[in-house]
Amino acid sequence: EFRPDEYVDATSDPIEGATVGWIEPGEWLTYTVNVAQAGTYRLELRYASGVAKGGPFSILADDVVVAENIEVSGTGDWGSWATHTVESIQLTAGSQIIKVDISNGGFNLGKMTFALSGEPNPIDPGDGSVDPGDGGTNPGVCTGLDSSGDFSWIVKEEGGKTYLTFVPELEGVGSTIVLMYYSTNPSSPFPGYNIKPNEPVELSLSGNASVYFYFTYSHPAGGERNTADRKVSFVPGSCVDVVVGDSSPVLSKDLALEVWPNPFSDVLYLSLSDADAFDRLVLCDLSGRVYEQMSLDGSTATVSTAKLPRGLYLLKLSGRKGSLVKKVMCSGNISY
């Protein structure tokens, strides 16, 4: 049902029924829907395109991106219709606004059909069992780097309060918008809050239940990115952070790590404030591919990196005090 008071190029096709045409870059469409069951959905959308390619466009549910950079192939004519399928769309149950956010036009849009294809993605926060060794009396700081490399985050606990900071790692990330979502119930909808990059935001918490969070943010390449598929959790009071789907706790609590040079080319040097904190080092890329691993003994280490491709890497240290992750950049001798 179209709203007649809105300026929408709504028309009707004798076979397709109600359609929207003359779609231009920067336009959007919203639909009020009631999702009967939370889960993974398959979207089948009807479209027509008289050019070689239409889009891209994104699908949002209550302002959370659930599918992005969707492009459709030309159908040969503006009245020749085809079906495009988008898999693995995560939707929560209940009434919500589905938005089609159009970065570029070049297509007419017909019926969109969502079909349940699976249960919601499981959330495995791990056991969160790390003892910081100080009785929880000292301020705690947890940090993490998103797998995209776009941003990192900082959780700081001090004076009985907990703060979360979104830190852009690429110029322009979050310059237009950053939305923070957090909850202690991973299976319920997460409320969202507008925040500013690099500014700590106090979280409203009670008790010691695990806190789950993710972000939506603008990207300099265009559009918005969303990390709902890789929520992070931490346990208040112990400053443990766990990337959902990875049961390895990450502890960064008053353990100073110096890495130089950064960016590096053929060698990387490390210096630790606590020689007994870690006994293992792994250097991997953002996809998890391991390029170097070694045992640690003492407060310094040297990593040979002469054969590394140029790019962003994660330096992971682990031992009896948990683990620590540091982002490093290789200026490298080999390009991708």
C-alpha atoms as a PDB file:
ATOM      1  CA  GLU A   1       0.000   0.000   0.000  1.00  0.00           C
ATOM      2  CA  PHE A   2       1.511   3.337  -1.093  1.00  0.00           C
ATOM      3  CA  ARG A   3       1.037   6.575   0.791  1.00  0.00           C
ATOM      4  CA  PRO A   4      -0.660   8.902  -1.730  1.00  0.00           C
ATOM      5  CA  ASP A   5       0.691  12.017  -0.022  1.00  0.00           C
ATOM      6  CA  GLU A   6       4.319  10.964  -0.625  1.00  0.00           C
ATOM      7  CA  TYR A   7       6.159  11.789  -3.865  1.00  0.00           C
ATOM      8  CA  VAL A   8       6.885   8.204  -4.964  1.00  0.00           C
ATOM      9  CA  ASP A   9       7.019   7.073  -8.598  1.00  0.00           C
ATOM     10  CA  ALA A  10       4.546   4.281  -7.916  1.00  0.00           C
ATOM     11  CA  THR A  11       2.945   2.535 -10.834  1.00  0.00           C
ATOM     12  CA  SER A  12       1.340  -0.774 -11.687  1.00  0.00           C
ATOM     13  CA  ASP A  13       2.478  -3.511 -14.042  1.00  0.00           C
ATOM     14  CA  PRO A  14      -0.205  -5.803 -15.517  1.00  0.00           C
ATOM     15  CA  ILE A  15       1.765  -8.885 -14.449  1.00  0.00           C
ATOM     16  CA  GLU A  16       3.951  -7.703 -11.552  1.00  0.00           C
ATOM     17  CA  GLY A  17       1.346  -5.579  -9.824  1.00  0.00           C
ATOM     18  CA  ALA A  18       2.486  -2.576  -7.775  1.00  0.00           C
ATOM     19  CA  THR A  19       5.995  -1.380  -8.653  1.00  0.00           C
ATOM     20  CA  VAL A  20       8.260   1.631  -8.118  1.00  0.00           C
ATOM     21  CA  GLY A  21      10.139   3.146 -11.050  1.00  0.00           C
ATOM     22  CA  TRP A  22      12.431   6.037 -12.007  1.00  0.00           C
ATOM     23  CA  ILE A  23      14.593   5.259  -8.982  1.00  0.00           C
ATOM     24  CA  GLU A  24      17.411   7.788  -8.515  1.00  0.00           C
ATOM     25  CA  PRO A  25      20.588   7.853  -6.377  1.00  0.00           C
ATOM     26  CA  GLY A  26      19.984   8.992  -2.798  1.00  0.00           C
ATOM     27  CA  GLU A  27      16.334   7.926  -2.677  1.00  0.00           C
ATOM     28  CA  TRP A  28      14.862   5.437  -0.242  1.00  0.00           C
ATOM     29  CA  LEU A  29      11.712   3.422   0.392  1.00  0.00           C
ATOM     30  CA  THR A  30      10.361   2.354   3.780  1.00  0.00           C
ATOM     31  CA  TYR A  31       7.950  -0.445   4.607  1.00  0.00           C
ATOM     32  CA  THR A  32       6.282  -1.148   7.949  1.00  0.00           C
ATOM     33  CA  VAL A  33       6.374  -4.908   8.542  1.00  0.00           C
ATOM     34  CA  ASN A  34       5.700  -7.365  11.346  1.00  0.00           C
ATOM     35  CA  VAL A  35       8.266 -10.179  11.477  1.00  0.00           C
ATOM     36  CA  ALA A  36       6.636 -13.251  13.014  1.00  0.00           C
ATOM     37  CA  GLN A  37       9.860 -15.041  13.958  1.00  0.00           C
ATOM     38  CA  ALA A  38      13.444 -13.938  14.483  1.00  0.00           C
ATOM     39  CA  GLY A  39      15.908 -15.722  12.264  1.00  0.00           C
ATOM     40  CA  THR A  40      17.849 -15.822   9.023  1.00  0.00           C
ATOM     41  CA  TYR A  41      15.821 -14.839   5.967  1.00  0.00           C
ATOM     42  CA  ARG A  42      16.130 -15.171   2.212  1.00  0.00           C
ATOM     43  CA  LEU A  43      14.976 -12.132   0.244  1.00  0.00           C
ATOM     44  CA  GLU A  44      13.606 -12.566  -3.266  1.00  0.00           C
ATOM     45  CA  LEU A  45      12.997  -9.238  -4.950  1.00  0.00           C
ATOM     46  CA  ARG A  46      11.469  -8.579  -8.342  1.00  0.00           C
ATOM     47  CA  TYR A  47      13.156  -5.967 -10.506  1.00  0.00           C
ATOM     48  CA  ALA A  48      13.580  -4.729 -14.053  1.00  0.00           C
ATOM     49  CA  SER A  49      16.542  -2.858 -15.521  1.00  0.00           C
ATOM     50  CA  GLY A  50      17.109  -1.439 -18.975  1.00  0.00           C
ATOM     51  CA  VAL A  51      20.803  -0.824 -18.313  1.00  0.00           C
ATOM     52  CA  ALA A  52      23.744  -3.175 -17.776  1.00  0.00           C
ATOM     53  CA  LYS A  53      23.590  -3.010 -13.983  1.00  0.00           C
ATOM     54  CA  GLY A  54      21.382  -1.519 -11.289  1.00  0.00           C
ATOM     55  CA  GLY A  55      22.314  -0.415  -7.790  1.00  0.00           C
ATOM     56  CA  PRO A  56      23.985  -0.710  -5.419  1.00  0.00           C
ATOM     57  CA  PHE A  57      21.424  -0.423  -2.655  1.00  0.00           C
ATOM     58  CA  SER A  58      21.121  -1.633   0.931  1.00  0.00           C
ATOM     59  CA  ILE A  59      18.400  -3.120   3.132  1.00  0.00           C
ATOM     60  CA  LEU A  60      17.998  -1.835   6.705  1.00  0.00           C
ATOM     61  CA  ALA A  61      15.789  -3.033   9.543  1.00  0.00           C
ATOM     62  CA  ASP A  62      15.092  -0.270  12.080  1.00  0.00           C
ATOM     63  CA  ASP A  63      18.157   1.608  10.784  1.00  0.00           C
ATOM     64  CA  VAL A  64      20.445  -1.423  11.123  1.00  0.00           C
ATOM     65  CA  VAL A  65      22.036  -2.549   7.849  1.00  0.00           C
ATOM     66  CA  VAL A  66      21.115  -6.200   7.238  1.00  0.00           C
ATOM     67  CA  ALA A  67      22.236  -6.409   3.579  1.00  0.00           C
ATOM     68  CA  GLU A  68      24.454  -3.975   1.711  1.00  0.00           C
ATOM     69  CA  ASN A  69      25.975  -3.281  -1.690  1.00  0.00           C
ATOM     70  CA  ILE A  70      23.245  -5.193  -3.535  1.00  0.00           C
ATOM     71  CA  GLU A  71      23.558  -4.972  -7.321  1.00  0.00           C
ATOM     72  CA  VAL A  72      21.262  -6.433  -9.984  1.00  0.00           C
ATOM     73  CA  SER A  73      22.037  -7.396 -13.583  1.00  0.00           C
ATOM     74  CA  GLY A  74      20.289  -5.802 -16.525  1.00  0.00           C
ATOM     75  CA  THR A  75      17.137  -7.524 -17.778  1.00  0.00           C
ATOM     76  CA  GLY A  76      17.189  -5.957 -21.241  1.00  0.00           C
ATOM     77  CA  ASP A  77      14.181  -3.697 -20.793  1.00  0.00           C
ATOM     78  CA  TRP A  78      12.478  -1.593 -18.131  1.00  0.00           C
ATOM     79  CA  GLY A  79       9.417  -3.817 -18.425  1.00  0.00           C
ATOM     80  CA  SER A  80      11.249  -7.149 -18.420  1.00  0.00           C
ATOM     81  CA  TRP A  81      11.184  -8.520 -14.869  1.00  0.00           C
ATOM     82  CA  ALA A  82      13.496 -10.938 -13.060  1.00  0.00           C
ATOM     83  CA  THR A  83      14.142 -12.201  -9.534  1.00  0.00           C
ATOM     84  CA  HIS A  84      17.248 -11.367  -7.502  1.00  0.00           C
ATOM     85  CA  THR A  85      17.950 -13.365  -4.320  1.00  0.00           C
ATOM     86  CA  VAL A  86      19.769 -12.083  -1.229  1.00  0.00           C
ATOM     87  CA  GLU A  87      20.720 -14.694   1.374  1.00  0.00           C
ATOM     88  CA  SER A  88      21.469 -14.590   5.111  1.00  0.00           C
ATOM     89  CA  ILE A  89      19.478 -11.552   6.217  1.00  0.00           C
ATOM     90  CA  GLN A  90      19.151 -11.441  10.006  1.00  0.00           C
ATOM     91  CA  LEU A  91      15.823 -10.104  11.298  1.00  0.00           C
ATOM     92  CA  THR A  92      14.459  -9.797  14.812  1.00  0.00           C
ATOM     93  CA  ALA A  93      10.836 -10.551  15.638  1.00  0.00           C
ATOM     94  CA  GLY A  94       8.165  -7.859  15.879  1.00  0.00           C
ATOM     95  CA  SER A  95       7.051  -4.685  14.157  1.00  0.00           C
ATOM     96  CA  GLN A  96       9.848  -2.783  12.413  1.00  0.00           C
ATOM     97  CA  ILE A  97      10.695  -0.514   9.512  1.00  0.00           C
ATOM     98  CA  ILE A  98      12.374  -2.109   6.503  1.00  0.00           C
ATOM     99  CA  LYS A  99      14.217   0.485   4.443  1.00  0.00           C
ATOM    100  CA  VAL A 100      15.618   0.214   0.925  1.00  0.00           C
ATOM    101  CA  ASP A 101      18.467   2.745   0.838  1.00  0.00           C
ATOM    102  CA  ILE A 102      19.527   3.456  -2.748  1.00  0.00           C
ATOM    103  CA  SER A 103      23.097   4.519  -3.514  1.00  0.00           C
ATOM    104  CA  ASN A 104      22.562   4.318  -7.261  1.00  0.00           C
ATOM    105  CA  GLY A 105      19.454   3.684  -9.351  1.00  0.00           C
ATOM    106  CA  GLY A 106      19.168   1.950 -12.684  1.00  0.00           C
ATOM    107  CA  PHE A 107      16.324  -0.423 -11.791  1.00  0.00           C
ATOM    108  CA  ASN A 108      12.591  -0.627 -11.141  1.00  0.00           C
ATOM    109  CA  LEU A 109      11.505  -2.421  -7.981  1.00  0.00           C
ATOM    110  CA  GLY A 110       8.571  -4.774  -7.585  1.00  0.00           C
ATOM    111  CA  LYS A 111       7.533  -7.216  -4.892  1.00  0.00           C
ATOM    112  CA  MET A 112       9.965  -8.177  -2.116  1.00  0.00           C
ATOM    113  CA  THR A 113       9.406 -11.534  -0.405  1.00  0.00           C
ATOM    114  CA  PHE A 114      11.212 -12.538   2.798  1.00  0.00           C
ATOM    115  CA  ALA A 115      11.276 -16.285   3.570  1.00  0.00           C
ATOM    116  CA  LEU A 116      12.642 -17.787   6.794  1.00  0.00           C
ATOM    117  CA  SER A 117      15.668 -19.936   5.963  1.00  0.00           C
ATOM    118  CA  GLY A 118      17.208 -20.624   9.369  1.00  0.00           C
ATOM    119  CA  GLU A 119      17.372 -19.880  13.064  1.00  0.00           C
ATOM    120  CA  PRO A 120      19.112 -16.731  14.365  1.00  0.00           C
ATOM    121  CA  ASN A 121      22.898 -16.908  14.322  1.00  0.00           C
ATOM    122  CA  PRO A 122      24.015 -18.391  17.656  1.00  0.00           C
ATOM    123  CA  ILE A 123      25.954 -16.195  20.054  1.00  0.00           C
ATOM    124  CA  ASP A 124      28.778 -17.879  21.907  1.00  0.00           C
ATOM    125  CA  PRO A 125      30.293 -15.397  24.346  1.00  0.00           C
ATOM    126  CA  GLY A 126      32.722 -17.926  25.807  1.00  0.00           C
ATOM    127  CA  ASP A 127      32.977 -18.443  29.538  1.00  0.00           C
ATOM    128  CA  GLY A 128      34.472 -15.035  30.331  1.00  0.00           C
ATOM    129  CA  SER A 129      36.578 -16.563  33.089  1.00  0.00           C
ATOM    130  CA  VAL A 130      39.696 -14.446  33.463  1.00  0.00           C
ATOM    131  CA  ASP A 131      41.019 -13.338  36.809  1.00  0.00           C
ATOM    132  CA  PRO A 132      42.724  -9.947  36.444  1.00  0.00           C
ATOM    133  CA  GLY A 133      44.707 -10.668  39.594  1.00  0.00           C
ATOM    134  CA  ASP A 134      44.023  -7.368  41.324  1.00  0.00           C
ATOM    135  CA  GLY A 135      40.671  -8.084  42.934  1.00  0.00           C
ATOM    136  CA  GLY A 136      39.031  -5.693  40.491  1.00  0.00           C
ATOM    137  CA  THR A 137      40.272  -2.621  42.380  1.00  0.00           C
ATOM    138  CA  ASN A 138      42.336  -1.020  39.618  1.00  0.00           C
ATOM    139  CA  PRO A 139      40.888   0.747  36.577  1.00  0.00           C
ATOM    140  CA  GLY A 140      40.554  -1.696  33.670  1.00  0.00           C
ATOM    141  CA  VAL A 141      40.953  -1.016  29.980  1.00  0.00           C
ATOM    142  CA  CYS A 142      39.945  -3.457  27.242  1.00  0.00           C
ATOM    143  CA  THR A 143      40.614  -2.767  23.594  1.00  0.00           C
ATOM    144  CA  GLY A 144      39.822  -4.494  20.336  1.00  0.00           C
ATOM    145  CA  LEU A 145      40.137  -4.041  16.576  1.00  0.00           C
ATOM    146  CA  ASP A 146      37.243  -4.863  14.277  1.00  0.00           C
ATOM    147  CA  SER A 147      38.087  -7.441  11.598  1.00  0.00           C
ATOM    148  CA  SER A 148      37.340  -4.858   8.885  1.00  0.00           C
ATOM    149  CA  GLY A 149      40.185  -2.657  10.112  1.00  0.00           C
ATOM    150  CA  ASP A 150      37.797   0.312   9.969  1.00  0.00           C
ATOM    151  CA  PHE A 151      37.727   1.004  13.703  1.00  0.00           C
ATOM    152  CA  SER A 152      38.819  -0.136  17.125  1.00  0.00           C
ATOM    153  CA  TRP A 153      36.992   0.182  20.428  1.00  0.00           C
ATOM    154  CA  ILE A 154      37.944   0.860  24.025  1.00  0.00           C
ATOM    155  CA  VAL A 155      36.099  -0.221  27.159  1.00  0.00           C
ATOM    156  CA  LYS A 156      37.262   1.586  30.286  1.00  0.00           C
ATOM    157  CA  GLU A 157      36.107   0.832  33.816  1.00  0.00           C
ATOM    158  CA  GLU A 158      36.869   3.423  36.439  1.00  0.00           C
ATOM    159  CA  GLY A 159      35.217   4.604  39.638  1.00  0.00           C
ATOM    160  CA  GLY A 160      32.404   2.092  39.320  1.00  0.00           C
ATOM    161  CA  LYS A 161      31.476   3.377  35.857  1.00  0.00           C
ATOM    162  CA  THR A 162      31.965   1.812  32.433  1.00  0.00           C
ATOM    163  CA  TYR A 163      32.745   3.777  29.271  1.00  0.00           C
ATOM    164  CA  LEU A 164      32.809   2.661  25.628  1.00  0.00           C
ATOM    165  CA  THR A 165      34.639   4.544  22.863  1.00  0.00           C
ATOM    166  CA  PHE A 166      34.445   4.112  19.074  1.00  0.00           C
ATOM    167  CA  VAL A 167      37.869   4.883  17.554  1.00  0.00           C
ATOM    168  CA  PRO A 168      38.121   5.287  13.728  1.00  0.00           C
ATOM    169  CA  GLU A 169      41.187   3.621  12.217  1.00  0.00           C
ATOM    170  CA  LEU A 170      40.591   4.953   8.693  1.00  0.00           C
ATOM    171  CA  GLU A 171      40.108   8.607   7.804  1.00  0.00           C
ATOM    172  CA  GLY A 172      36.439   9.418   7.344  1.00  0.00           C
ATOM    173  CA  VAL A 173      35.033   6.409   9.200  1.00  0.00           C
ATOM    174  CA  GLY A 174      32.112   7.567  11.349  1.00  0.00           C
ATOM    175  CA  SER A 175      32.367  11.162  10.130  1.00  0.00           C
ATOM    176  CA  THR A 176      28.642  11.305   9.307  1.00  0.00           C
ATOM    177  CA  ILE A 177      27.112   8.925  11.836  1.00  0.00           C
ATOM    178  CA  VAL A 178      28.013   6.374  14.500  1.00  0.00           C
ATOM    179  CA  LEU A 179      25.315   4.339  16.218  1.00  0.00           C
ATOM    180  CA  MET A 180      26.210   2.252  19.258  1.00  0.00           C
ATOM    181  CA  TYR A 181      24.020  -0.699  20.245  1.00  0.00           C
ATOM    182  CA  TYR A 182      24.449  -2.513  23.548  1.00  0.00           C
ATOM    183  CA  SER A 183      22.474  -4.878  25.750  1.00  0.00           C
ATOM    184  CA  THR A 184      22.903  -7.547  28.404  1.00  0.00           C
ATOM    185  CA  ASN A 185      20.439  -9.788  26.549  1.00  0.00           C
ATOM    186  CA  PRO A 186      21.967 -11.039  23.277  1.00  0.00           C
ATOM    187  CA  SER A 187      18.691 -12.520  22.032  1.00  0.00           C
ATOM    188  CA  SER A 188      16.575  -9.358  22.303  1.00  0.00           C
ATOM    189  CA  PRO A 189      16.647  -6.232  20.091  1.00  0.00           C
ATOM    190  CA  PHE A 190      19.504  -3.893  20.963  1.00  0.00           C
ATOM    191  CA  PRO A 191      18.626  -0.224  21.587  1.00  0.00           C
ATOM    192  CA  GLY A 192      20.760   2.171  19.551  1.00  0.00           C
ATOM    193  CA  TYR A 193      22.372   5.480  20.514  1.00  0.00           C
ATOM    194  CA  ASN A 194      23.965   8.246  18.456  1.00  0.00           C
ATOM    195  CA  ILE A 195      27.549   8.757  19.593  1.00  0.00           C
ATOM    196  CA  LYS A 196      30.619  10.653  18.393  1.00  0.00           C
ATOM    197  CA  PRO A 197      33.941   9.079  17.361  1.00  0.00           C
ATOM    198  CA  ASN A 198      36.727   9.201  19.957  1.00  0.00           C
ATOM    199  CA  GLU A 199      34.374  10.341  22.734  1.00  0.00           C
ATOM    200  CA  PRO A 200      33.808   7.924  25.655  1.00  0.00           C
ATOM    201  CA  VAL A 201      30.148   7.157  26.356  1.00  0.00           C
ATOM    202  CA  GLU A 202      29.033   5.974  29.781  1.00  0.00           C
ATOM    203  CA  LEU A 203      27.040   2.734  29.667  1.00  0.00           C
ATOM    204  CA  SER A 204      24.000   2.325  31.893  1.00  0.00           C
ATOM    205  CA  LEU A 205      24.665  -1.016  33.604  1.00  0.00           C
ATOM    206  CA  SER A 206      23.525  -2.838  36.701  1.00  0.00           C
ATOM    207  CA  GLY A 207      24.985  -6.074  38.005  1.00  0.00           C
ATOM    208  CA  ASN A 208      27.721  -8.128  36.416  1.00  0.00           C
ATOM    209  CA  ALA A 209      25.913  -9.628  33.420  1.00  0.00           C
ATOM    210  CA  SER A 210      27.910  -9.775  30.174  1.00  0.00           C
ATOM    211  CA  VAL A 211      27.488  -6.699  27.987  1.00  0.00           C
ATOM    212  CA  TYR A 212      27.142  -7.170  24.220  1.00  0.00           C
ATOM    213  CA  PHE A 213      27.697  -4.358  21.732  1.00  0.00           C
ATOM    214  CA  TYR A 214      28.091  -3.522  18.064  1.00  0.00           C
ATOM    215  CA  PHE A 215      28.118  -0.439  15.824  1.00  0.00           C
ATOM    216  CA  THR A 216      26.655   1.089  12.669  1.00  0.00           C
ATOM    217  CA  TYR A 217      28.865   3.762  11.109  1.00  0.00           C
ATOM    218  CA  SER A 218      29.278   5.777   7.932  1.00  0.00           C
ATOM    219  CA  HIS A 219      32.139   4.802   5.638  1.00  0.00           C
ATOM    220  CA  PRO A 220      34.216   7.044   3.356  1.00  0.00           C
ATOM    221  CA  ALA A 221      33.605   4.593   0.489  1.00  0.00           C
ATOM    222  CA  GLY A 222      29.899   5.404   0.734  1.00  0.00           C
ATOM    223  CA  GLY A 223      26.924   4.182   2.704  1.00  0.00           C
ATOM    224  CA  GLU A 224      26.978   2.651   6.157  1.00  0.00           C
ATOM    225  CA  ARG A 225      28.613  -0.445   7.648  1.00  0.00           C
ATOM    226  CA  ASN A 226      27.240  -2.578  10.461  1.00  0.00           C
ATOM    227  CA  THR A 227      28.864  -5.111  12.804  1.00  0.00           C
ATOM    228  CA  ALA A 228      25.764  -6.886  14.123  1.00  0.00           C
ATOM    229  CA  ASP A 229      27.153 -10.161  12.744  1.00  0.00           C
ATOM    230  CA  ARG A 230      30.242  -9.903  14.947  1.00  0.00           C
ATOM    231  CA  LYS A 231      29.040  -8.594  18.284  1.00  0.00           C
ATOM    232  CA  VAL A 232      31.596  -8.197  21.051  1.00  0.00           C
ATOM    233  CA  SER A 233      30.991  -8.851  24.730  1.00  0.00           C
ATOM    234  CA  PHE A 234      32.799  -8.105  27.968  1.00  0.00           C
ATOM    235  CA  VAL A 235      32.186  -8.888  31.625  1.00  0.00           C
ATOM    236  CA  PRO A 236      31.879  -5.796  33.850  1.00  0.00           C
ATOM    237  CA  GLY A 237      34.469  -5.773  36.585  1.00  0.00           C
ATOM    238  CA  SER A 238      36.956  -8.066  34.900  1.00  0.00           C
ATOM    239  CA  CYS A 239      37.276  -6.243  31.587  1.00  0.00           C
ATOM    240  CA  VAL A 240      37.191  -9.372  29.483  1.00  0.00           C
ATOM    241  CA  ASP A 241      36.318  -8.936  25.838  1.00  0.00           C
ATOM    242  CA  VAL A 242      35.252 -11.758  23.555  1.00  0.00           C
ATOM    243  CA  VAL A 243      34.456 -11.550  19.871  1.00  0.00           C
ATOM    244  CA  VAL A 244      31.259 -13.531  19.402  1.00  0.00           C
ATOM    245  CA  GLY A 245      32.114 -16.840  17.788  1.00  0.00           C
ATOM    246  CA  ASP A 246      35.609 -16.870  19.311  1.00  0.00           C
ATOM    247  CA  SER A 247      35.820 -18.244  22.834  1.00  0.00           C
ATOM    248  CA  SER A 248      39.304 -16.859  23.510  1.00  0.00           C
ATOM    249  CA  PRO A 249      39.258 -14.128  26.172  1.00  0.00           C
ATOM    250  CA  VAL A 250      41.322 -11.029  25.466  1.00  0.00           C
ATOM    251  CA  LEU A 251      42.759  -9.211  28.439  1.00  0.00           C
ATOM    252  CA  SER A 252      44.444  -5.838  28.177  1.00  0.00           C
ATOM    253  CA  LYS A 253      44.877  -4.562  31.698  1.00  0.00           C
ATOM    254  CA  ASP A 254      47.855  -2.395  32.579  1.00  0.00           C
ATOM    255  CA  LEU A 255      50.171  -4.494  30.383  1.00  0.00           C
ATOM    256  CA  ALA A 256      52.276  -2.114  28.296  1.00  0.00           C
ATOM    257  CA  LEU A 257      53.406  -3.344  24.879  1.00  0.00           C
ATOM    258  CA  GLU A 258      55.719  -1.299  22.676  1.00  0.00           C
ATOM    259  CA  VAL A 259      56.020  -2.232  18.999  1.00  0.00           C
ATOM    260  CA  TRP A 260      58.345  -0.521  16.533  1.00  0.00           C
ATOM    261  CA  PRO A 261      58.655   0.458  13.783  1.00  0.00           C
ATOM    262  CA  ASN A 262      54.965   0.701  12.908  1.00  0.00           C
ATOM    263  CA  PRO A 263      54.480   0.664   9.951  1.00  0.00           C
ATOM    264  CA  PHE A 264      57.241  -1.931   9.509  1.00  0.00           C
ATOM    265  CA  SER A 265      58.897  -3.600   6.525  1.00  0.00           C
ATOM    266  CA  ASP A 266      61.291  -6.498   7.167  1.00  0.00           C
ATOM    267  CA  VAL A 267      61.508  -6.670  10.971  1.00  0.00           C
ATOM    268  CA  LEU A 268      59.312  -5.900  13.983  1.00  0.00           C
ATOM    269  CA  TYR A 269      60.568  -5.332  17.542  1.00  0.00           C
ATOM    270  CA  LEU A 270      58.557  -5.853  20.738  1.00  0.00           C
ATOM    271  CA  SER A 271      59.080  -4.718  24.311  1.00  0.00           C
ATOM    272  CA  LEU A 272      56.852  -5.823  27.216  1.00  0.00           C
ATOM    273  CA  SER A 273      56.458  -4.272  30.649  1.00  0.00           C
ATOM    274  CA  ASP A 274      55.859  -7.729  32.189  1.00  0.00           C
ATOM    275  CA  ALA A 275      58.275 -10.436  31.036  1.00  0.00           C
ATOM    276  CA  ASP A 276      56.100 -13.203  32.505  1.00  0.00           C
ATOM    277  CA  ALA A 277      52.744 -12.092  31.105  1.00  0.00           C
ATOM    278  CA  PHE A 278      52.897 -13.854  27.731  1.00  0.00           C
ATOM    279  CA  ASP A 279      54.590 -16.937  26.324  1.00  0.00           C
ATOM    280  CA  ARG A 280      53.246 -17.101  22.757  1.00  0.00           C
ATOM    281  CA  LEU A 281      53.072 -14.713  19.792  1.00  0.00           C
ATOM    282  CA  VAL A 282      51.001 -15.031  16.620  1.00  0.00           C
ATOM    283  CA  LEU A 283      51.054 -12.610  13.679  1.00  0.00           C
ATOM    284  CA  CYS A 284      48.039 -12.948  11.378  1.00  0.00           C
ATOM    285  CA  ASP A 285      46.074 -10.934   8.848  1.00  0.00           C
ATOM    286  CA  LEU A 286      42.484  -9.779   9.353  1.00  0.00           C
ATOM    287  CA  SER A 287      41.110 -12.987   7.835  1.00  0.00           C
ATOM    288  CA  GLY A 288      42.948 -15.062  10.457  1.00  0.00           C
ATOM    289  CA  ARG A 289      45.700 -16.404   8.183  1.00  0.00           C
ATOM    290  CA  VAL A 290      48.804 -16.962  10.322  1.00  0.00           C
ATOM    291  CA  TYR A 291      52.115 -15.686   8.938  1.00  0.00           C
ATOM    292  CA  GLU A 292      54.336 -16.058  11.996  1.00  0.00           C
ATOM    293  CA  GLN A 293      54.145 -17.732  15.405  1.00  0.00           C
ATOM    294  CA  MET A 294      56.776 -18.104  18.071  1.00  0.00           C
ATOM    295  CA  SER A 295      57.374 -18.683  21.768  1.00  0.00           C
ATOM    296  CA  LEU A 296      58.190 -15.747  24.006  1.00  0.00           C
ATOM    297  CA  ASP A 297      60.776 -15.791  26.768  1.00  0.00           C
ATOM    298  CA  GLY A 298      61.562 -12.470  28.387  1.00  0.00           C
ATOM    299  CA  SER A 299      60.502  -8.890  27.866  1.00  0.00           C
ATOM    300  CA  THR A 300      61.745  -8.404  24.277  1.00  0.00           C
ATOM    301  CA  ALA A 301      61.256 -10.173  20.945  1.00  0.00           C
ATOM    302  CA  THR A 302      62.147  -9.744  17.287  1.00  0.00           C
ATOM    303  CA  VAL A 303      59.853 -10.891  14.474  1.00  0.00           C
ATOM    304  CA  SER A 304      61.181 -11.372  10.944  1.00  0.00           C
ATOM    305  CA  THR A 305      58.654  -9.951   8.478  1.00  0.00           C
ATOM    306  CA  ALA A 306      60.645  -9.709   5.248  1.00  0.00           C
ATOM    307  CA  LYS A 307      58.222 -11.891   3.245  1.00  0.00           C
ATOM    308  CA  LEU A 308      54.983 -10.328   4.423  1.00  0.00           C
ATOM    309  CA  PRO A 309      52.569  -8.816   1.885  1.00  0.00           C
ATOM    310  CA  ARG A 310      51.797  -5.159   2.412  1.00  0.00           C
ATOM    311  CA  GLY A 311      48.707  -4.587   4.586  1.00  0.00           C
ATOM    312  CA  LEU A 312      47.143  -4.542   8.051  1.00  0.00           C
ATOM    313  CA  TYR A 313      47.950  -7.295  10.586  1.00  0.00           C
ATOM    314  CA  LEU A 314      47.073  -8.373  14.109  1.00  0.00           C
ATOM    315  CA  LEU A 315      49.804  -9.147  16.605  1.00  0.00           C
ATOM    316  CA  LYS A 316      48.334 -11.529  19.218  1.00  0.00           C
ATOM    317  CA  LEU A 317      50.114 -12.311  22.479  1.00  0.00           C
ATOM    318  CA  SER A 318      48.819 -14.926  24.931  1.00  0.00           C
ATOM    319  CA  GLY A 319      49.913 -16.372  28.237  1.00  0.00           C
ATOM    320  CA  ARG A 320      49.016 -16.797  31.881  1.00  0.00           C
ATOM    321  CA  LYS A 321      47.543 -13.281  32.150  1.00  0.00           C
ATOM    322  CA  GLY A 322      45.206 -13.666  29.201  1.00  0.00           C
ATOM    323  CA  SER A 323      45.924 -12.249  25.757  1.00  0.00           C
ATOM    324  CA  LEU A 324      46.606  -8.926  24.097  1.00  0.00           C
ATOM    325  CA  VAL A 325      46.004  -7.817  20.515  1.00  0.00           C
ATOM    326  CA  LYS A 326      47.910  -5.051  18.728  1.00  0.00           C
ATOM    327  CA  LYS A 327      47.210  -3.726  15.229  1.00  0.00           C
ATOM    328  CA  VAL A 328      50.324  -3.281  13.062  1.00  0.00           C
ATOM    329  CA  MET A 329      50.830  -2.154   9.470  1.00  0.00           C
ATOM    330  CA  CYS A 330      53.304  -3.651   7.001  1.00  0.00           C
ATOM    331  CA  SER A 331      54.598  -1.261   4.354  1.00  0.00           C
ATOM    332  CA  GLY A 332      56.143  -4.424   2.923  1.00  0.00           C
ATOM    333  CA  ASN A 333      58.186  -5.596   0.025  1.00  0.00           C
ATOM    334  CA  ILE A 334      55.402  -7.590  -1.657  1.00  0.00           C
ATOM    335  CA  SER A 335      52.106  -6.150  -2.808  1.00  0.00           C
ATOM    336  CA  TYR A 336      48.840  -8.041  -2.921  1.00  0.00           C
END
